[in-house]
């Protein structure tokens, strides 16, 4: 991005290979991820800056992933 220096969007991969985005433009664990529009599970959105996005670490090292593991998958 000319203003921010970075951007995320649908189905992208970072140049350093640390992160991917889903078809919806949400950080994802790997390529080809698509999140269902309707689900019976509660969802939590993490909104913030590069620390929230964890753009300098792999998905498995992000605090969002750690939160997902702590809350459980079901």
Protein backbone atom coordinates (compact mmCIF):
# COMPACT_ATOMS: atom_id res chain seq x y z
CA UNK A 1 0.00 0.00 0.00
CA UNK A 2 1.39 3.42 -0.91
CA UNK A 3 0.21 4.99 2.37
CA UNK A 4 0.58 2.18 4.92
CA UNK A 5 3.48 0.29 3.36
CA UNK A 6 1.53 -2.98 3.53
CA UNK A 7 -1.93 -4.33 2.97
CA UNK A 8 -3.81 -7.58 3.17
CA UNK A 9 -6.50 -8.80 0.87
CA UNK A 10 -8.21 -11.91 -0.41
CA UNK A 11 -6.06 -15.01 -0.87
CA UNK A 12 -2.61 -13.44 -0.49
CA UNK A 13 0.78 -14.64 0.73
CA UNK A 14 3.40 -12.38 2.30
CA UNK A 15 6.66 -11.94 0.43
CA UNK A 16 8.55 -13.49 3.37
CA UNK A 17 6.20 -16.50 3.53
CA UNK A 18 5.18 -15.90 7.15
CA UNK A 19 1.48 -15.38 6.55
CA UNK A 20 -1.43 -16.06 4.24
CA UNK A 21 -4.87 -14.54 4.00
CA UNK A 22 -8.13 -16.35 3.40
CA UNK A 23 -10.48 -15.77 0.48
CA UNK A 24 -12.11 -13.16 2.74
CA UNK A 25 -8.85 -11.31 3.46
CA UNK A 26 -8.48 -12.65 7.03
CA UNK A 27 -5.15 -14.00 8.29
CA UNK A 28 -5.10 -17.76 7.79
CA UNK A 29 -2.85 -20.70 8.59
CA UNK A 30 -2.28 -21.67 4.94
CA UNK A 31 -3.34 -21.00 1.36
CA UNK A 32 -6.86 -21.73 0.18
CA UNK A 33 -8.66 -21.14 3.50
CA UNK A 34 -12.26 -19.93 3.30
CA UNK A 35 -14.39 -19.26 6.37
CA UNK A 36 -18.10 -20.19 6.33
CA UNK A 37 -20.50 -17.23 6.36
CA UNK A 38 -22.88 -18.94 8.75
CA UNK A 39 -21.80 -21.03 11.70
CA UNK A 40 -23.20 -22.06 15.06
CA UNK A 41 -19.87 -21.31 16.73
CA UNK A 42 -19.07 -18.02 18.41
CA UNK A 43 -16.44 -16.02 16.57
CA UNK A 44 -14.00 -13.52 18.02
CA UNK A 45 -12.51 -10.80 15.83
CA UNK A 46 -9.07 -9.46 16.67
CA UNK A 47 -8.74 -5.87 15.52
CA UNK A 48 -5.56 -3.90 15.84
CA UNK A 49 -2.15 -3.10 14.45
CA UNK A 50 0.82 -5.16 13.26
CA UNK A 51 1.19 -6.66 16.75
CA UNK A 52 -2.38 -7.96 16.57
CA UNK A 53 -1.80 -9.24 13.04
CA UNK A 54 1.55 -10.68 14.19
CA UNK A 55 3.12 -9.92 10.85
CA UNK A 56 6.66 -10.84 11.95
CA UNK A 57 5.87 -14.38 13.09
CA UNK A 58 4.36 -17.56 11.70
CA UNK A 59 0.63 -18.15 12.23
CA UNK A 60 1.34 -20.76 14.91
CA UNK A 61 3.32 -18.16 16.88
CA UNK A 62 0.66 -15.44 16.73
CA UNK A 63 -1.30 -14.61 19.86
CA UNK A 64 -4.52 -15.04 17.89
CA UNK A 65 -3.63 -18.66 17.24
CA UNK A 66 -2.64 -19.13 20.89
CA UNK A 67 -6.02 -17.70 21.93
CA UNK A 68 -7.77 -20.09 19.53
CA UNK A 69 -5.91 -23.03 21.08
CA UNK A 70 -6.68 -21.89 24.63
CA UNK A 71 -10.39 -21.52 23.91
CA UNK A 72 -10.58 -24.86 22.14
CA UNK A 73 -11.97 -25.73 18.75
CA UNK A 74 -15.42 -26.81 19.77
